[in-house]
Amino acid sequence: AKYFANSVREAVLLDRTRGGVVFMPGAAGTVQEIF
């Protein structure tokens, strides 16, 4: 599911993962996704 709008893409990704999210080591983008 490839989007043009990154904000929509991030919201969709987190909203659909109802079984949870595993966060591997990452930088600013991963920290943003955590919070």
Full PDB file with SEQRES, HELIX, SHEET, SSBOND, CRYST1, ORIGX, SCALE, CONECT and MASTER records, all heavy atoms in Angstrom:
SEQRES   1 A   35  ALA LYS TYR PHE ALA ASN SER VAL ARG GLU ALA VAL LEU          
SEQRES   2 A   35  LEU ASP ARG THR ARG GLY GLY VAL VAL PHE MET PRO GLY          
SEQRES   3 A   35  ALA ALA GLY THR VAL GLN GLU ILE PHE                          
HELIX    1 AA1 ASN A    6  ARG A   16  1                                  11    
HELIX    2 AA2 ALA A   28  ILE A   34  1                                   7    
CRYST1    1.000    1.000    1.000  90.00  90.00  90.00 P 1           1          
ORIGX1      1.000000  0.000000  0.000000        0.00000                         
ORIGX2      0.000000  1.000000  0.000000        0.00000                         
ORIGX3      0.000000  0.000000  1.000000        0.00000                         
SCALE1      1.000000  0.000000  0.000000        0.00000                         
SCALE2      0.000000  1.000000  0.000000        0.00000                         
SCALE3      0.000000  0.000000  1.000000        0.00000                         
ATOM      1  N   ALA A   1       0.872  -1.182   0.000  1.00  0.00           N  
ATOM      2  CA  ALA A   1       0.000   0.000   0.000  1.00  0.00           C  
ATOM      3  C   ALA A   1       0.901   1.221   0.000  1.00  0.00           C  
ATOM      4  O   ALA A   1       1.309   1.698   1.062  1.00  0.00           O  
ATOM      5  CB  ALA A   1      -0.910  -0.010   1.218  1.00  0.00           C  
ATOM      6  N   LYS A   2       1.236   1.710  -1.169  1.00  0.00           N  
ATOM      7  CA  LYS A   2       2.175   2.828  -1.256  1.00  0.00           C  
ATOM      8  C   LYS A   2       1.407   4.137  -1.437  1.00  0.00           C  
ATOM      9  O   LYS A   2       0.590   4.283  -2.337  1.00  0.00           O  
ATOM     10  CB  LYS A   2       3.170   2.638  -2.403  1.00  0.00           C  
ATOM     11  CG  LYS A   2       4.320   3.649  -2.344  1.00  0.00           C  
ATOM     12  CD  LYS A   2       5.552   3.202  -3.090  1.00  0.00           C  
ATOM     13  CE  LYS A   2       6.718   4.150  -2.820  1.00  0.00           C  
ATOM     14  NZ  LYS A   2       7.964   3.760  -3.477  1.00  0.00           N  
ATOM     15  N   TYR A   3       1.705   5.082  -0.552  1.00  0.00           N  
ATOM     16  CA  TYR A   3       1.006   6.366  -0.503  1.00  0.00           C  
ATOM     17  C   TYR A   3       1.915   7.505  -0.973  1.00  0.00           C  
ATOM     18  O   TYR A   3       3.140   7.404  -0.916  1.00  0.00           O  
ATOM     19  CB  TYR A   3       0.564   6.675   0.927  1.00  0.00           C  
ATOM     20  CG  TYR A   3      -0.565   5.819   1.451  1.00  0.00           C  
ATOM     21  CD1 TYR A   3      -0.315   4.578   2.030  1.00  0.00           C  
ATOM     22  CD2 TYR A   3      -1.879   6.259   1.388  1.00  0.00           C  
ATOM     23  CE1 TYR A   3      -1.350   3.802   2.533  1.00  0.00           C  
ATOM     24  CE2 TYR A   3      -2.924   5.489   1.889  1.00  0.00           C  
ATOM     25  CZ  TYR A   3      -2.656   4.265   2.462  1.00  0.00           C  
ATOM     26  OH  TYR A   3      -3.682   3.496   2.952  1.00  0.00           O  
ATOM     27  N   PHE A   4       1.290   8.600  -1.363  1.00  0.00           N  
ATOM     28  CA  PHE A   4       2.028   9.843  -1.585  1.00  0.00           C  
ATOM     29  C   PHE A   4       2.191  10.605  -0.269  1.00  0.00           C  
ATOM     30  O   PHE A   4       3.247  11.158   0.004  1.00  0.00           O  
ATOM     31  CB  PHE A   4       1.309  10.727  -2.611  1.00  0.00           C  
ATOM     32  CG  PHE A   4       1.393  10.192  -4.017  1.00  0.00           C  
ATOM     33  CD1 PHE A   4       0.314   9.577  -4.610  1.00  0.00           C  
ATOM     34  CD2 PHE A   4       2.573  10.288  -4.744  1.00  0.00           C  
ATOM     35  CE1 PHE A   4       0.387   9.076  -5.898  1.00  0.00           C  
ATOM     36  CE2 PHE A   4       2.672   9.794  -6.037  1.00  0.00           C  
ATOM     37  CZ  PHE A   4       1.573   9.183  -6.611  1.00  0.00           C  
ATOM     38  N   ALA A   5       1.152  10.644   0.539  1.00  0.00           N  
ATOM     39  CA  ALA A   5       1.175  11.410   1.790  1.00  0.00           C  
ATOM     40  C   ALA A   5       1.793  10.576   2.903  1.00  0.00           C  
ATOM     41  O   ALA A   5       1.225   9.566   3.327  1.00  0.00           O  
ATOM     42  CB  ALA A   5      -0.238  11.838   2.177  1.00  0.00           C  
ATOM     43  N   ASN A   6       2.953  10.980   3.395  1.00  0.00           N  
ATOM     44  CA  ASN A   6       3.633  10.211   4.422  1.00  0.00           C  
ATOM     45  C   ASN A   6       2.859  10.195   5.733  1.00  0.00           C  
ATOM     46  O   ASN A   6       2.841   9.195   6.450  1.00  0.00           O  
ATOM     47  CB  ASN A   6       5.038  10.774   4.654  1.00  0.00           C  
ATOM     48  CG  ASN A   6       5.840   9.916   5.614  1.00  0.00           C  
ATOM     49  OD1 ASN A   6       5.962   8.704   5.414  1.00  0.00           O  
ATOM     50  ND2 ASN A   6       6.386  10.516   6.658  1.00  0.00           N  
ATOM     51  N   SER A   7       2.215  11.304   6.084  1.00  0.00           N  
ATOM     52  CA  SER A   7       1.468  11.354   7.340  1.00  0.00           C  
ATOM     53  C   SER A   7       0.324  10.350   7.336  1.00  0.00           C  
ATOM     54  O   SER A   7       0.053   9.690   8.349  1.00  0.00           O  
ATOM     55  CB  SER A   7       0.930  12.767   7.575  1.00  0.00           C  
ATOM     56  OG  SER A   7       0.107  13.176   6.498  1.00  0.00           O  
ATOM     57  N   VAL A   8      -0.339  10.216   6.195  1.00  0.00           N  
ATOM     58  CA  VAL A   8      -1.412   9.234   6.078  1.00  0.00           C  
ATOM     59  C   VAL A   8      -0.843   7.835   6.205  1.00  0.00           C  
ATOM     60  O   VAL A   8      -1.382   6.981   6.909  1.00  0.00           O  
ATOM     61  CB  VAL A   8      -2.147   9.394   4.728  1.00  0.00           C  
ATOM     62  CG1 VAL A   8      -3.166   8.271   4.530  1.00  0.00           C  
ATOM     63  CG2 VAL A   8      -2.827  10.752   4.655  1.00  0.00           C  
ATOM     64  N   ARG A   9       0.255   7.604   5.551  1.00  0.00           N  
ATOM     65  CA  ARG A   9       0.889   6.275   5.563  1.00  0.00           C  
ATOM     66  C   ARG A   9       1.257   5.844   6.978  1.00  0.00           C  
ATOM     67  O   ARG A   9       0.994   4.717   7.396  1.00  0.00           O  
ATOM     68  CB  ARG A   9       2.113   6.326   4.653  1.00  0.00           C  
ATOM     69  CG  ARG A   9       3.069   5.165   4.806  1.00  0.00           C  
ATOM     70  CD  ARG A   9       4.345   5.583   5.493  1.00  0.00           C  
ATOM     71  NE  ARG A   9       5.380   4.572   5.348  1.00  0.00           N  
ATOM     72  CZ  ARG A   9       6.627   4.759   5.699  1.00  0.00           C  
ATOM     73  NH1 ARG A   9       7.007   5.930   6.178  1.00  0.00           N  
ATOM     74  NH2 ARG A   9       7.513   3.800   5.559  1.00  0.00           N  
ATOM     75  N   GLU A  10       1.856   6.754   7.767  1.00  0.00           N  
ATOM     76  CA  GLU A  10       2.264   6.413   9.128  1.00  0.00           C  
ATOM     77  C   GLU A  10       1.062   6.111  10.008  1.00  0.00           C  
ATOM     78  O   GLU A  10       1.074   5.162  10.793  1.00  0.00           O  
ATOM     79  CB  GLU A  10       3.098   7.543   9.719  1.00  0.00           C  
ATOM     80  CG  GLU A  10       4.483   7.666   9.086  1.00  0.00           C  
ATOM     81  CD  GLU A  10       5.292   8.798   9.687  1.00  0.00           C  
ATOM     82  OE1 GLU A  10       4.681   9.710  10.285  1.00  0.00           O  
ATOM     83  OE2 GLU A  10       6.523   8.768   9.556  1.00  0.00           O  
ATOM     84  N   ALA A  11       0.024   6.937   9.890  1.00  0.00           N  
ATOM     85  CA  ALA A  11      -1.179   6.721  10.690  1.00  0.00           C  
ATOM     86  C   ALA A  11      -1.834   5.394  10.341  1.00  0.00           C  
ATOM     87  O   ALA A  11      -2.279   4.649  11.228  1.00  0.00           O  
ATOM     88  CB  ALA A  11      -2.156   7.878  10.483  1.00  0.00           C  
ATOM     89  N   VAL A  12      -1.888   5.076   9.045  1.00  0.00           N  
ATOM     90  CA  VAL A  12      -2.499   3.826   8.594  1.00  0.00           C  
ATOM     91  C   VAL A  12      -1.718   2.632   9.125  1.00  0.00           C  
ATOM     92  O   VAL A  12      -2.298   1.656   9.622  1.00  0.00           O  
ATOM     93  CB  VAL A  12      -2.561   3.786   7.050  1.00  0.00           C  
ATOM     94  CG1 VAL A  12      -2.867   2.374   6.547  1.00  0.00           C  
ATOM     95  CG2 VAL A  12      -3.614   4.761   6.546  1.00  0.00           C  
ATOM     96  N   LEU A  13      -0.408   2.694   9.057  1.00  0.00           N  
ATOM     97  CA  LEU A  13       0.427   1.578   9.489  1.00  0.00           C  
ATOM     98  C   LEU A  13       0.217   1.265  10.968  1.00  0.00           C  
ATOM     99  O   LEU A  13       0.012   0.111  11.361  1.00  0.00           O  
ATOM    100  CB  LEU A  13       1.900   1.900   9.218  1.00  0.00           C  
ATOM    101  CG  LEU A  13       2.929   0.846   9.621  1.00  0.00           C  
ATOM    102  CD1 LEU A  13       2.614  -0.501   8.995  1.00  0.00           C  
ATOM    103  CD2 LEU A  13       4.331   1.299   9.223  1.00  0.00           C  
ATOM    104  N   LEU A  14       0.232   2.289  11.817  1.00  0.00           N  
ATOM    105  CA  LEU A  14       0.062   2.065  13.246  1.00  0.00           C  
ATOM    106  C   LEU A  14      -1.367   1.653  13.587  1.00  0.00           C  
ATOM    107  O   LEU A  14      -1.585   0.840  14.494  1.00  0.00           O  
ATOM    108  CB  LEU A  14       0.455   3.325  14.025  1.00  0.00           C  
ATOM    109  CG  LEU A  14       1.949   3.672  13.973  1.00  0.00           C  
ATOM    110  CD1 LEU A  14       2.217   5.024  14.616  1.00  0.00           C  
ATOM    111  CD2 LEU A  14       2.791   2.589  14.660  1.00  0.00           C  
ATOM    112  N   ASP A  15      -2.316   2.174  12.862  1.00  0.00           N  
ATOM    113  CA  ASP A  15      -3.714   1.854  13.142  1.00  0.00           C  
ATOM    114  C   ASP A  15      -4.045   0.410  12.806  1.00  0.00           C  
ATOM    115  O   ASP A  15      -4.883  -0.210  13.469  1.00  0.00           O  
ATOM    116  CB  ASP A  15      -4.627   2.797  12.354  1.00  0.00           C  
ATOM    117  CG  ASP A  15      -6.096   2.534  12.622  1.00  0.00           C  
ATOM    118  OD1 ASP A  15      -6.518   2.686  13.793  1.00  0.00           O  
ATOM    119  OD2 ASP A  15      -6.820   2.171  11.680  1.00  0.00           O  
ATOM    120  N   ARG A  16      -3.407  -0.132  11.772  1.00  0.00           N  
ATOM    121  CA  ARG A  16      -3.753  -1.483  11.323  1.00  0.00           C  
ATOM    122  C   ARG A  16      -3.049  -2.586  12.104  1.00  0.00           C  
ATOM    123  O   ARG A  16      -3.423  -3.745  12.001  1.00  0.00           O  
ATOM    124  CB  ARG A  16      -3.437  -1.644   9.827  1.00  0.00           C  
ATOM    125  CG  ARG A  16      -4.203  -0.715   8.899  1.00  0.00           C  
ATOM    126  CD  ARG A  16      -5.714  -0.849   9.065  1.00  0.00           C  
ATOM    127  NE  ARG A  16      -6.440  -0.156   8.009  1.00  0.00           N  
ATOM    128  CZ  ARG A  16      -6.781   1.125   8.034  1.00  0.00           C  
ATOM    129  NH1 ARG A  16      -6.472   1.862   9.096  1.00  0.00           N  
ATOM    130  NH2 ARG A  16      -7.451   1.672   7.040  1.00  0.00           N  
ATOM    131  N   THR A  17      -2.027  -2.254  12.862  1.00  0.00           N  
ATOM    132  CA  THR A  17      -1.250  -3.291  13.572  1.00  0.00           C  
ATOM    133  C   THR A  17      -1.842  -3.516  14.963  1.00  0.00           C  
ATOM    134  O   THR A  17      -1.231  -3.203  15.983  1.00  0.00           O  
ATOM    135  CB  THR A  17       0.229  -2.886  13.666  1.00  0.00           C  
ATOM    136  OG1 THR A  17       0.324  -1.538  14.162  1.00  0.00           O  
ATOM    137  CG2 THR A  17       0.881  -2.935  12.293  1.00  0.00           C  
ATOM    138  N   ARG A  18      -3.038  -4.106  14.980  1.00  0.00           N  
ATOM    139  CA  ARG A  18      -3.742  -4.304  16.248  1.00  0.00           C  
ATOM    140  C   ARG A  18      -3.115  -5.414  17.088  1.00  0.00           C  
ATOM    141  O   ARG A  18      -3.408  -5.534  18.272  1.00  0.00           O  
ATOM    142  CB  ARG A  18      -5.213  -4.635  15.988  1.00  0.00           C  
ATOM    143  CG  ARG A  18      -5.977  -3.607  15.170  1.00  0.00           C  
ATOM    144  CD  ARG A  18      -5.800  -2.204  15.721  1.00  0.00           C  
ATOM    145  NE  ARG A  18      -6.112  -2.118  17.128  1.00  0.00           N  
ATOM    146  CZ  ARG A  18      -5.574  -1.228  17.953  1.00  0.00           C  
ATOM    147  NH1 ARG A  18      -4.682  -0.369  17.496  1.00  0.00           N  
ATOM    148  NH2 ARG A  18      -5.908  -1.203  19.220  1.00  0.00           N  
ATOM    149  N   GLY A  19      -2.265  -6.238  16.506  1.00  0.00           N  
ATOM    150  CA  GLY A  19      -1.569  -7.265  17.280  1.00  0.00           C  
ATOM    151  C   GLY A  19      -0.337  -6.734  17.975  1.00  0.00           C  
ATOM    152  O   GLY A  19       0.345  -7.478  18.687  1.00  0.00           O  
ATOM    153  N   GLY A  20      -0.055  -5.446  17.787  1.00  0.00           N  
ATOM    154  CA  GLY A  20       1.095  -4.833  18.444  1.00  0.00           C  
ATOM    155  C   GLY A  20       2.173  -4.425  17.471  1.00  0.00           C  
ATOM    156  O   GLY A  20       2.109  -4.728  16.268  1.00  0.00           O  
ATOM    157  N   VAL A  21       3.172  -3.733  18.006  1.00  0.00           N  
ATOM    158  CA  VAL A  21       4.290  -3.259  17.200  1.00  0.00           C  
ATOM    159  C   VAL A  21       5.590  -3.595  17.912  1.00  0.00           C  
ATOM    160  O   VAL A  21       5.725  -3.378  19.129  1.00  0.00           O  
ATOM    161  CB  VAL A  21       4.223  -1.743  16.959  1.00  0.00           C  
ATOM    162  CG1 VAL A  21       5.382  -1.294  16.084  1.00  0.00           C  
ATOM    163  CG2 VAL A  21       2.896  -1.356  16.306  1.00  0.00           C  
ATOM    164  N   VAL A  22       6.538  -4.134  17.170  1.00  0.00           N  
ATOM    165  CA  VAL A  22       7.893  -4.389  17.668  1.00  0.00           C  
ATOM    166  C   VAL A  22       8.801  -3.317  17.084  1.00  0.00           C  
ATOM    167  O   VAL A  22       8.818  -3.104  15.867  1.00  0.00           O  
ATOM    168  CB  VAL A  22       8.385  -5.785  17.258  1.00  0.00           C  
ATOM    169  CG1 VAL A  22       9.803  -6.018  17.778  1.00  0.00           C  
ATOM    170  CG2 VAL A  22       7.438  -6.868  17.777  1.00  0.00           C  
ATOM    171  N   PHE A  23       9.557  -2.642  17.952  1.00  0.00           N  
ATOM    172  CA  PHE A  23      10.438  -1.567  17.517  1.00  0.00           C  
ATOM    173  C   PHE A  23      11.891  -2.014  17.624  1.00  0.00           C  
ATOM    174  O   PHE A  23      12.420  -2.220  18.717  1.00  0.00           O  
ATOM    175  CB  PHE A  23      10.217  -0.315  18.375  1.00  0.00           C  
ATOM    176  CG  PHE A  23       8.830   0.258  18.257  1.00  0.00           C  
ATOM    177  CD1 PHE A  23       7.830  -0.118  19.138  1.00  0.00           C  
ATOM    178  CD2 PHE A  23       8.523   1.159  17.243  1.00  0.00           C  
ATOM    179  CE1 PHE A  23       6.542   0.402  19.025  1.00  0.00           C  
ATOM    180  CE2 PHE A  23       7.247   1.684  17.123  1.00  0.00           C  
ATOM    181  CZ  PHE A  23       6.253   1.307  18.016  1.00  0.00           C  
ATOM    182  N   MET A  24      12.519  -2.187  16.466  1.00  0.00           N  
ATOM    183  CA  MET A  24      13.935  -2.489  16.419  1.00  0.00           C  
ATOM    184  C   MET A  24      14.727  -1.189  16.536  1.00  0.00           C  
ATOM    185  O   MET A  24      14.174  -0.097  16.376  1.00  0.00           O  
ATOM    186  CB  MET A  24      14.261  -3.193  15.099  1.00  0.00           C  
ATOM    187  CG  MET A  24      13.581  -4.532  14.925  1.00  0.00           C  
ATOM    188  SD  MET A  24      14.093  -5.764  16.148  1.00  0.00           S  
ATOM    189  CE  MET A  24      15.766  -6.131  15.564  1.00  0.00           C  
ATOM    190  N   PRO A  25      16.024  -1.268  16.823  1.00  0.00           N  
ATOM    191  CA  PRO A  25      16.825  -0.042  16.889  1.00  0.00           C  
ATOM    192  C   PRO A  25      16.718   0.760  15.596  1.00  0.00           C  
ATOM    193  O   PRO A  25      16.797   0.226  14.493  1.00  0.00           O  
ATOM    194  CB  PRO A  25      18.246  -0.572  17.105  1.00  0.00           C  
ATOM    195  CG  PRO A  25      18.049  -1.863  17.840  1.00  0.00           C  
ATOM    196  CD  PRO A  25      16.809  -2.453  17.242  1.00  0.00           C  
ATOM    197  N   GLY A  26      16.504   2.040  15.739  1.00  0.00           N  
ATOM    198  CA  GLY A  26      16.377   2.935  14.594  1.00  0.00           C  
ATOM    199  C   GLY A  26      16.718   4.349  15.013  1.00  0.00           C  
ATOM    200  O   GLY A  26      17.150   4.590  16.145  1.00  0.00           O  
ATOM    201  N   ALA A  27      16.500   5.280  14.112  1.00  0.00           N  
ATOM    202  CA  ALA A  27      16.854   6.673  14.397  1.00  0.00           C  
ATOM    203  C   ALA A  27      15.584   7.507  14.585  1.00  0.00           C  
ATOM    204  O   ALA A  27      14.611   7.048  15.173  1.00  0.00           O  
ATOM    205  CB  ALA A  27      17.728   7.221  13.273  1.00  0.00           C  
ATOM    206  N   ALA A  28      15.592   8.733  14.065  1.00  0.00           N  
ATOM    207  CA  ALA A  28      14.509   9.679  14.338  1.00  0.00           C  
ATOM    208  C   ALA A  28      13.145   9.143  13.914  1.00  0.00           C  
ATOM    209  O   ALA A  28      12.149   9.314  14.631  1.00  0.00           O  
ATOM    210  CB  ALA A  28      14.803  10.998  13.634  1.00  0.00           C  
ATOM    211  N   GLY A  29      13.090   8.495  12.740  1.00  0.00           N  
ATOM    212  CA  GLY A  29      11.803   7.996  12.261  1.00  0.00           C  
ATOM    213  C   GLY A  29      11.216   6.949  13.192  1.00  0.00           C  
ATOM    214  O   GLY A  29      10.008   6.950  13.464  1.00  0.00           O  
ATOM    215  N   THR A  30      12.063   6.046  13.698  1.00  0.00           N  
ATOM    216  CA  THR A  30      11.580   5.002  14.595  1.00  0.00           C  
ATOM    217  C   THR A  30      11.145   5.591  15.934  1.00  0.00           C  
ATOM    218  O   THR A  30      10.133   5.175  16.508  1.00  0.00           O  
ATOM    219  CB  THR A  30      12.669   3.936  14.811  1.00  0.00           C  
ATOM    220  OG1 THR A  30      13.132   3.468  13.538  1.00  0.00           O  
ATOM    221  CG2 THR A  30      12.132   2.757  15.605  1.00  0.00           C  
ATOM    222  N   VAL A  31      11.904   6.574  16.428  1.00  0.00           N  
ATOM    223  CA  VAL A  31      11.521   7.240  17.677  1.00  0.00           C  
ATOM    224  C   VAL A  31      10.163   7.928  17.516  1.00  0.00           C  
ATOM    225  O   VAL A  31       9.299   7.860  18.400  1.00  0.00           O  
ATOM    226  CB  VAL A  31      12.596   8.257  18.113  1.00  0.00           C  
ATOM    227  CG1 VAL A  31      12.120   9.070  19.308  1.00  0.00           C  
ATOM    228  CG2 VAL A  31      13.895   7.533  18.463  1.00  0.00           C  
ATOM    229  N   GLN A  32       9.978   8.582  16.386  1.00  0.00           N  
ATOM    230  CA  GLN A  32       8.687   9.217  16.121  1.00  0.00           C  
ATOM    231  C   GLN A  32       7.567   8.187  16.138  1.00  0.00           C  
ATOM    232  O   GLN A  32       6.485   8.421  16.706  1.00  0.00           O  
ATOM    233  CB  GLN A  32       8.718   9.927  14.773  1.00  0.00           C  
ATOM    234  CG  GLN A  32       7.373  10.546  14.372  1.00  0.00           C  
ATOM    235  CD  GLN A  32       7.383  11.120  12.967  1.00  0.00           C  
ATOM    236  OE1 GLN A  32       8.441  11.398  12.416  1.00  0.00           O  
ATOM    237  NE2 GLN A  32       6.221  11.301  12.385  1.00  0.00           N  
ATOM    238  N   GLU A  33       7.804   7.026  15.516  1.00  0.00           N  
ATOM    239  CA  GLU A  33       6.780   5.981  15.462  1.00  0.00           C  
ATOM    240  C   GLU A  33       6.480   5.436  16.852  1.00  0.00           C  
ATOM    241  O   GLU A  33       5.322   5.120  17.159  1.00  0.00           O  
ATOM    242  CB  GLU A  33       7.231   4.872  14.517  1.00  0.00           C  
ATOM    243  CG  GLU A  33       7.217   5.299  13.052  1.00  0.00           C  
ATOM    244  CD  GLU A  33       8.062   4.439  12.152  1.00  0.00           C  
ATOM    245  OE1 GLU A  33       8.862   3.619  12.668  1.00  0.00           O  
ATOM    246  OE2 GLU A  33       7.960   4.587  10.924  1.00  0.00           O  
ATOM    247  N   ILE A  34       7.498   5.321  17.703  1.00  0.00           N  
ATOM    248  CA  ILE A  34       7.279   4.844  19.066  1.00  0.00           C  
ATOM    249  C   ILE A  34       6.275   5.735  19.780  1.00  0.00           C  
ATOM    250  O   ILE A  34       5.294   5.262  20.380  1.00  0.00           O  
ATOM    251  CB  ILE A  34       8.609   4.779  19.854  1.00  0.00           C  
ATOM    252  CG1 ILE A  34       9.478   3.625  19.347  1.00  0.00           C  
ATOM    253  CG2 ILE A  34       8.338   4.616  21.359  1.00  0.00           C  
ATOM    254  CD1 ILE A  34      10.864   3.583  19.969  1.00  0.00           C  
ATOM    255  N   PHE A  35       6.509   7.049  19.715  1.00  0.00           N  
ATOM    256  CA  PHE A  35       5.664   7.935  20.501  1.00  0.00           C  
ATOM    257  C   PHE A  35       4.354   8.280  19.799  1.00  0.00           C  
ATOM    258  O   PHE A  35       3.379   8.659  20.458  1.00  0.00           O  
ATOM    259  CB  PHE A  35       6.462   9.167  20.909  1.00  0.00           C  
ATOM    260  CG  PHE A  35       7.505   8.817  21.937  1.00  0.00           C  
ATOM    261  CD1 PHE A  35       8.841   8.750  21.591  1.00  0.00           C  
ATOM    262  CD2 PHE A  35       7.131   8.483  23.224  1.00  0.00           C  
ATOM    263  CE1 PHE A  35       9.797   8.372  22.520  1.00  0.00           C  
ATOM    264  CE2 PHE A  35       8.076   8.104  24.168  1.00  0.00           C  
ATOM    265  CZ  PHE A  35       9.409   8.053  23.820  1.00  0.00           C  
TER     266      PHE A  35                                                      
MASTER        0    0    0    2    0    0    0    6  265    1    0    3          
END                                                                             
